[in-house]
Amino acid sequence: MPFALAQQFDWSVALIVEDTRQAYPERRFQALGFIDEHLCMLVFTPREGALHVISLRRANKRERTRYEAQTQP
């Protein structure tokens, strides 16, 4: 997905976790949320008051399952 679509990411329903799988040089976060009707994975790092997008793609099955499990009442 083009990184420009990150501007349409719906932060109000996003599930955000810090990515600690590796020793990255910067704090890195994974956000599961919607762009239009598609659940997407946005990987980013905060930089100088803005977000630097590292990756943006549609969520895979495992990620969709995790999102549903953690956001359903």
PDB file of N, CA and C in Angstrom:
ATOM      1  N   MET A   1       0.846  -1.177   0.000  1.00  0.00           N
ATOM      2  CA  MET A   1       0.000   0.000   0.000  1.00  0.00           C
ATOM      3  C   MET A   1       0.897   1.247   0.000  1.00  0.00           C
ATOM      4  N   PRO A   2       0.507   2.264  -0.701  1.00  0.00           N
ATOM      5  CA  PRO A   2       1.294   3.501  -0.689  1.00  0.00           C
ATOM      6  C   PRO A   2       1.293   4.142   0.703  1.00  0.00           C
ATOM      7  N   PHE A   3       2.440   4.617   1.127  1.00  0.00           N
ATOM      8  CA  PHE A   3       2.559   5.227   2.449  1.00  0.00           C
ATOM      9  C   PHE A   3       1.645   6.442   2.602  1.00  0.00           C
ATOM     10  N   ALA A   4       1.288   7.092   1.514  1.00  0.00           N
ATOM     11  CA  ALA A   4       0.402   8.255   1.584  1.00  0.00           C
ATOM     12  C   ALA A   4      -0.950   7.890   2.195  1.00  0.00           C
ATOM     13  N   LEU A   5      -1.355   6.625   2.082  1.00  0.00           N
ATOM     14  CA  LEU A   5      -2.622   6.189   2.671  1.00  0.00           C
ATOM     15  C   LEU A   5      -2.586   6.200   4.194  1.00  0.00           C
ATOM     16  N   ALA A   6      -1.410   6.257   4.784  1.00  0.00           N
ATOM     17  CA  ALA A   6      -1.298   6.304   6.248  1.00  0.00           C
ATOM     18  C   ALA A   6      -2.029   7.521   6.814  1.00  0.00           C
ATOM     19  N   GLN A   7      -2.200   8.561   6.017  1.00  0.00           N
ATOM     20  CA  GLN A   7      -2.930   9.752   6.466  1.00  0.00           C
ATOM     21  C   GLN A   7      -4.399   9.440   6.733  1.00  0.00           C
ATOM     22  N   GLN A   8      -4.914   8.360   6.136  1.00  0.00           N
ATOM     23  CA  GLN A   8      -6.314   7.980   6.310  1.00  0.00           C
ATOM     24  C   GLN A   8      -6.497   6.945   7.421  1.00  0.00           C
ATOM     25  N   PHE A   9      -5.417   6.553   8.081  1.00  0.00           N
ATOM     26  CA  PHE A   9      -5.469   5.537   9.132  1.00  0.00           C
ATOM     27  C   PHE A   9      -6.353   6.032  10.275  1.00  0.00           C
ATOM     28  N   ASP A  10      -7.286   5.181  10.723  1.00  0.00           N
ATOM     29  CA  ASP A  10      -8.225   5.550  11.788  1.00  0.00           C
ATOM     30  C   ASP A  10      -7.611   5.222  13.151  1.00  0.00           C
ATOM     31  N   TRP A  11      -6.974   6.205  13.758  1.00  0.00           N
ATOM     32  CA  TRP A  11      -6.304   6.010  15.052  1.00  0.00           C
ATOM     33  C   TRP A  11      -7.297   5.789  16.181  1.00  0.00           C
ATOM     34  N   SER A  12      -8.545   6.206  16.021  1.00  0.00           N
ATOM     35  CA  SER A  12      -9.525   6.116  17.113  1.00  0.00           C
ATOM     36  C   SER A  12      -9.872   4.679  17.477  1.00  0.00           C
ATOM     37  N   VAL A  13      -9.674   3.746  16.563  1.00  0.00           N
ATOM     38  CA  VAL A  13      -9.982   2.330  16.844  1.00  0.00           C
ATOM     39  C   VAL A  13      -8.739   1.454  16.740  1.00  0.00           C
ATOM     40  N   ALA A  14      -7.572   2.079  16.693  1.00  0.00           N
ATOM     41  CA  ALA A  14      -6.326   1.332  16.474  1.00  0.00           C
ATOM     42  C   ALA A  14      -5.872   0.604  17.736  1.00  0.00           C
ATOM     43  N   LEU A  15      -5.269  -0.549  17.514  1.00  0.00           N
ATOM     44  CA  LEU A  15      -4.612  -1.330  18.557  1.00  0.00           C
ATOM     45  C   LEU A  15      -3.114  -1.128  18.340  1.00  0.00           C
ATOM     46  N   ILE A  16      -2.443  -0.490  19.296  1.00  0.00           N
ATOM     47  CA  ILE A  16      -1.035  -0.112  19.131  1.00  0.00           C
ATOM     48  C   ILE A  16      -0.186  -0.820  20.177  1.00  0.00           C
ATOM     49  N   VAL A  17       0.884  -1.474  19.717  1.00  0.00           N
ATOM     50  CA  VAL A  17       1.827  -2.135  20.628  1.00  0.00           C
ATOM     51  C   VAL A  17       3.250  -1.792  20.195  1.00  0.00           C
ATOM     52  N   GLU A  18       4.137  -1.723  21.178  1.00  0.00           N
ATOM     53  CA  GLU A  18       5.543  -1.487  20.859  1.00  0.00           C
ATOM     54  C   GLU A  18       6.145  -2.775  20.330  1.00  0.00           C
ATOM     55  N   ASP A  19       6.943  -2.669  19.290  1.00  0.00           N
ATOM     56  CA  ASP A  19       7.619  -3.823  18.682  1.00  0.00           C
ATOM     57  C   ASP A  19       8.961  -4.006  19.385  1.00  0.00           C
ATOM     58  N   THR A  20       9.039  -5.032  20.226  1.00  0.00           N
ATOM     59  CA  THR A  20      10.264  -5.297  20.991  1.00  0.00           C
ATOM     60  C   THR A  20      10.924  -6.603  20.557  1.00  0.00           C
ATOM     61  N   ARG A  21      10.583  -7.084  19.373  1.00  0.00           N
ATOM     62  CA  ARG A  21      11.137  -8.360  18.905  1.00  0.00           C
ATOM     63  C   ARG A  21      12.636  -8.287  18.663  1.00  0.00           C
ATOM     64  N   GLN A  22      13.133  -7.106  18.337  1.00  0.00           N
ATOM     65  CA  GLN A  22      14.562  -6.917  18.084  1.00  0.00           C
ATOM     66  C   GLN A  22      15.017  -5.632  18.769  1.00  0.00           C
ATOM     67  N   ALA A  23      16.312  -5.440  18.828  1.00  0.00           N
ATOM     68  CA  ALA A  23      16.870  -4.208  19.396  1.00  0.00           C
ATOM     69  C   ALA A  23      17.003  -3.176  18.277  1.00  0.00           C
ATOM     70  N   TYR A  24      15.895  -2.532  17.954  1.00  0.00           N
ATOM     71  CA  TYR A  24      15.902  -1.511  16.907  1.00  0.00           C
ATOM     72  C   TYR A  24      16.595  -0.248  17.424  1.00  0.00           C
ATOM     73  N   PRO A  25      17.193   0.547  16.544  1.00  0.00           N
ATOM     74  CA  PRO A  25      17.858   1.775  17.000  1.00  0.00           C
ATOM     75  C   PRO A  25      16.872   2.841  17.499  1.00  0.00           C
ATOM     76  N   GLU A  26      15.594   2.739  17.105  1.00  0.00           N
ATOM     77  CA  GLU A  26      14.548   3.661  17.547  1.00  0.00           C
ATOM     78  C   GLU A  26      13.383   2.844  18.082  1.00  0.00           C
ATOM     79  N   ARG A  27      12.557   3.461  18.928  1.00  0.00           N
ATOM     80  CA  ARG A  27      11.334   2.781  19.367  1.00  0.00           C
ATOM     81  C   ARG A  27      10.451   2.577  18.141  1.00  0.00           C
ATOM     82  N   ARG A  28       9.920   1.364  18.009  1.00  0.00           N
ATOM     83  CA  ARG A  28       9.111   1.013  16.846  1.00  0.00           C
ATOM     84  C   ARG A  28       7.768   0.486  17.345  1.00  0.00           C
ATOM     85  N   PHE A  29       6.704   0.871  16.663  1.00  0.00           N
ATOM     86  CA  PHE A  29       5.361   0.484  17.067  1.00  0.00           C
ATOM     87  C   PHE A  29       4.620  -0.163  15.907  1.00  0.00           C
ATOM     88  N   GLN A  30       3.725  -1.087  16.266  1.00  0.00           N
ATOM     89  CA  GLN A  30       2.826  -1.715  15.300  1.00  0.00           C
ATOM     90  C   GLN A  30       1.415  -1.257  15.644  1.00  0.00           C
ATOM     91  N   ALA A  31       0.690  -0.791  14.658  1.00  0.00           N
ATOM     92  CA  ALA A  31      -0.683  -0.340  14.860  1.00  0.00           C
ATOM     93  C   ALA A  31      -1.595  -1.096  13.905  1.00  0.00           C
ATOM     94  N   LEU A  32      -2.612  -1.731  14.464  1.00  0.00           N
ATOM     95  CA  LEU A  32      -3.651  -2.373  13.661  1.00  0.00           C
ATOM     96  C   LEU A  32      -4.862  -1.453  13.685  1.00  0.00           C
ATOM     97  N   GLY A  33      -5.311  -1.045  12.522  1.00  0.00           N
ATOM     98  CA  GLY A  33      -6.458  -0.161  12.429  1.00  0.00           C
ATOM     99  C   GLY A  33      -6.972  -0.131  10.997  1.00  0.00           C
ATOM    100  N   PHE A  34      -7.969   0.680  10.799  1.00  0.00           N
ATOM    101  CA  PHE A  34      -8.643   0.678   9.509  1.00  0.00           C
ATOM    102  C   PHE A  34      -8.249   1.853   8.623  1.00  0.00           C
ATOM    103  N   ILE A  35      -8.148   1.540   7.337  1.00  0.00           N
ATOM    104  CA  ILE A  35      -8.131   2.524   6.261  1.00  0.00           C
ATOM    105  C   ILE A  35      -9.312   2.127   5.388  1.00  0.00           C
ATOM    106  N   ASP A  36     -10.298   3.000   5.361  1.00  0.00           N
ATOM    107  CA  ASP A  36     -11.587   2.656   4.757  1.00  0.00           C
ATOM    108  C   ASP A  36     -12.108   1.399   5.448  1.00  0.00           C
ATOM    109  N   GLU A  37     -12.474   0.369   4.704  1.00  0.00           N
ATOM    110  CA  GLU A  37     -13.010  -0.844   5.330  1.00  0.00           C
ATOM    111  C   GLU A  37     -11.953  -1.925   5.522  1.00  0.00           C
ATOM    112  N   HIS A  38     -10.710  -1.628   5.245  1.00  0.00           N
ATOM    113  CA  HIS A  38      -9.633  -2.624   5.323  1.00  0.00           C
ATOM    114  C   HIS A  38      -8.849  -2.495   6.624  1.00  0.00           C
ATOM    115  N   LEU A  39      -8.704  -3.622   7.335  1.00  0.00           N
ATOM    116  CA  LEU A  39      -7.851  -3.648   8.517  1.00  0.00           C
ATOM    117  C   LEU A  39      -6.410  -3.695   8.039  1.00  0.00           C
ATOM    118  N   CYS A  40      -5.594  -2.782   8.541  1.00  0.00           N
ATOM    119  CA  CYS A  40      -4.216  -2.635   8.067  1.00  0.00           C
ATOM    120  C   CYS A  40      -3.228  -2.676   9.218  1.00  0.00           C
ATOM    121  N   MET A  41      -2.002  -3.069   8.886  1.00  0.00           N
ATOM    122  CA  MET A  41      -0.881  -3.028   9.822  1.00  0.00           C
ATOM    123  C   MET A  41       0.005  -1.856   9.418  1.00  0.00           C
ATOM    124  N   LEU A  42       0.173  -0.931  10.349  1.00  0.00           N
ATOM    125  CA  LEU A  42       1.029   0.230  10.141  1.00  0.00           C
ATOM    126  C   LEU A  42       2.178   0.141  11.139  1.00  0.00           C
ATOM    127  N   VAL A  43       3.392   0.058  10.646  1.00  0.00           N
ATOM    128  CA  VAL A  43       4.577   0.035  11.503  1.00  0.00           C
ATOM    129  C   VAL A  43       5.220   1.410  11.384  1.00  0.00           C
ATOM    130  N   PHE A  44       5.499   2.013  12.546  1.00  0.00           N
ATOM    131  CA  PHE A  44       6.009   3.380  12.532  1.00  0.00           C
ATOM    132  C   PHE A  44       6.939   3.622  13.711  1.00  0.00           C
ATOM    133  N   THR A  45       7.666   4.708  13.621  1.00  0.00           N
ATOM    134  CA  THR A  45       8.487   5.195  14.721  1.00  0.00           C
ATOM    135  C   THR A  45       8.222   6.689  14.863  1.00  0.00           C
ATOM    136  N   PRO A  46       8.072   7.172  16.101  1.00  0.00           N
ATOM    137  CA  PRO A  46       7.892   8.614  16.280  1.00  0.00           C
ATOM    138  C   PRO A  46       9.217   9.345  16.069  1.00  0.00           C
ATOM    139  N   ARG A  47       9.160  10.434  15.314  1.00  0.00           N
ATOM    140  CA  ARG A  47      10.362  11.231  15.027  1.00  0.00           C
ATOM    141  C   ARG A  47      10.013  12.706  14.997  1.00  0.00           C
ATOM    142  N   GLU A  48      10.646  13.468  15.856  1.00  0.00           N
ATOM    143  CA  GLU A  48      10.520  14.928  15.836  1.00  0.00           C
ATOM    144  C   GLU A  48       9.069  15.399  15.738  1.00  0.00           C
ATOM    145  N   GLY A  49       8.205  14.846  16.577  1.00  0.00           N
ATOM    146  CA  GLY A  49       6.817  15.272  16.607  1.00  0.00           C
ATOM    147  C   GLY A  49       5.950  14.741  15.484  1.00  0.00           C
ATOM    148  N   ALA A  50       6.477  13.845  14.678  1.00  0.00           N
ATOM    149  CA  ALA A  50       5.715  13.256  13.571  1.00  0.00           C
ATOM    150  C   ALA A  50       5.915  11.741  13.590  1.00  0.00           C
ATOM    151  N   LEU A  51       5.197  11.063  12.726  1.00  0.00           N
ATOM    152  CA  LEU A  51       5.354   9.618  12.602  1.00  0.00           C
ATOM    153  C   LEU A  51       6.107   9.297  11.323  1.00  0.00           C
ATOM    154  N   HIS A  52       7.111   8.458  11.441  1.00  0.00           N
ATOM    155  CA  HIS A  52       7.853   7.971  10.280  1.00  0.00           C
ATOM    156  C   HIS A  52       7.317   6.576   9.967  1.00  0.00           C
ATOM    157  N   VAL A  53       6.670   6.421   8.818  1.00  0.00           N
ATOM    158  CA  VAL A  53       6.086   5.140   8.423  1.00  0.00           C
ATOM    159  C   VAL A  53       7.192   4.221   7.924  1.00  0.00           C
ATOM    160  N   ILE A  54       7.241   3.023   8.502  1.00  0.00           N
ATOM    161  CA  ILE A  54       8.208   2.009   8.099  1.00  0.00           C
ATOM    162  C   ILE A  54       7.550   1.009   7.159  1.00  0.00           C
ATOM    163  N   SER A  55       6.298   0.671   7.461  1.00  0.00           N
ATOM    164  CA  SER A  55       5.587  -0.325   6.664  1.00  0.00           C
ATOM    165  C   SER A  55       4.092  -0.071   6.769  1.00  0.00           C
ATOM    166  N   LEU A  56       3.381  -0.314   5.678  1.00  0.00           N
ATOM    167  CA  LEU A  56       1.924  -0.218   5.652  1.00  0.00           C
ATOM    168  C   LEU A  56       1.411  -1.289   4.708  1.00  0.00           C
ATOM    169  N   ARG A  57       0.543  -2.155   5.249  1.00  0.00           N
ATOM    170  CA  ARG A  57      -0.008  -3.243   4.435  1.00  0.00           C
ATOM    171  C   ARG A  57      -1.324  -3.691   5.050  1.00  0.00           C
ATOM    172  N   ARG A  58      -2.064  -4.500   4.291  1.00  0.00           N
ATOM    173  CA  ARG A  58      -3.277  -5.097   4.843  1.00  0.00           C
ATOM    174  C   ARG A  58      -2.892  -6.124   5.897  1.00  0.00           C
ATOM    175  N   ALA A  59      -3.694  -6.207   6.930  1.00  0.00           N
ATOM    176  CA  ALA A  59      -3.430  -7.157   8.009  1.00  0.00           C
ATOM    177  C   ALA A  59      -3.617  -8.584   7.506  1.00  0.00           C
ATOM    178  N   ASN A  60      -2.762  -9.482   7.995  1.00  0.00           N
ATOM    179  CA  ASN A  60      -2.915 -10.891   7.637  1.00  0.00           C
ATOM    180  C   ASN A  60      -3.922 -11.554   8.580  1.00  0.00           C
ATOM    181  N   LYS A  61      -4.212 -12.823   8.362  1.00  0.00           N
ATOM    182  CA  LYS A  61      -5.240 -13.532   9.135  1.00  0.00           C
ATOM    183  C   LYS A  61      -4.922 -13.531  10.629  1.00  0.00           C
ATOM    184  N   ARG A  62      -3.685 -13.797  10.983  1.00  0.00           N
ATOM    185  CA  ARG A  62      -3.287 -13.830  12.402  1.00  0.00           C
ATOM    186  C   ARG A  62      -3.493 -12.454  13.045  1.00  0.00           C
ATOM    187  N   GLU A  63      -3.149 -11.413  12.329  1.00  0.00           N
ATOM    188  CA  GLU A  63      -3.319 -10.050  12.848  1.00  0.00           C
ATOM    189  C   GLU A  63      -4.793  -9.673  12.957  1.00  0.00           C
ATOM    190  N   ARG A  64      -5.610 -10.087  11.999  1.00  0.00           N
ATOM    191  CA  ARG A  64      -7.052  -9.822  12.078  1.00  0.00           C
ATOM    192  C   ARG A  64      -7.654 -10.518  13.290  1.00  0.00           C
ATOM    193  N   THR A  65      -7.239 -11.767  13.525  1.00  0.00           N
ATOM    194  CA  THR A  65      -7.734 -12.521  14.680  1.00  0.00           C
ATOM    195  C   THR A  65      -7.335 -11.829  15.977  1.00  0.00           C
ATOM    196  N   ARG A  66      -6.088 -11.373  16.075  1.00  0.00           N
ATOM    197  CA  ARG A  66      -5.608 -10.673  17.273  1.00  0.00           C
ATOM    198  C   ARG A  66      -6.395  -9.383  17.499  1.00  0.00           C
ATOM    199  N   TYR A  67      -6.641  -8.631  16.433  1.00  0.00           N
ATOM    200  CA  TYR A  67      -7.390  -7.382  16.557  1.00  0.00           C
ATOM    201  C   TYR A  67      -8.799  -7.659  17.072  1.00  0.00           C
ATOM    202  N   GLU A  68      -9.456  -8.634  16.479  1.00  0.00           N
ATOM    203  CA  GLU A  68     -10.824  -8.962  16.886  1.00  0.00           C
ATOM    204  C   GLU A  68     -10.872  -9.419  18.337  1.00  0.00           C
ATOM    205  N   ALA A  69      -9.914 -10.246  18.747  1.00  0.00           N
ATOM    206  CA  ALA A  69      -9.892 -10.761  20.120  1.00  0.00           C
ATOM    207  C   ALA A  69      -9.667  -9.642  21.139  1.00  0.00           C
ATOM    208  N   GLN A  70      -8.889  -8.646  20.782  1.00  0.00           N
ATOM    209  CA  GLN A  70      -8.543  -7.595  21.737  1.00  0.00           C
ATOM    210  C   GLN A  70      -9.468  -6.387  21.690  1.00  0.00           C
ATOM    211  N   THR A  71     -10.352  -6.332  20.707  1.00  0.00           N
ATOM    212  CA  THR A  71     -11.245  -5.177  20.621  1.00  0.00           C
ATOM    213  C   THR A  71     -12.708  -5.538  20.831  1.00  0.00           C
ATOM    214  N   GLN A  72     -13.029  -6.819  20.885  1.00  0.00           N
ATOM    215  CA  GLN A  72     -14.413  -7.234  21.117  1.00  0.00           C
ATOM    216  C   GLN A  72     -14.705  -7.220  22.613  1.00  0.00           C
ATOM    217  N   PRO A  73     -15.894  -6.748  23.005  1.00  0.00           N
ATOM    218  CA  PRO A  73     -16.254  -6.722  24.445  1.00  0.00           C
ATOM    219  C   PRO A  73     -16.471  -8.118  25.006  1.00  0.00           C
TER     220      PRO A  73
END
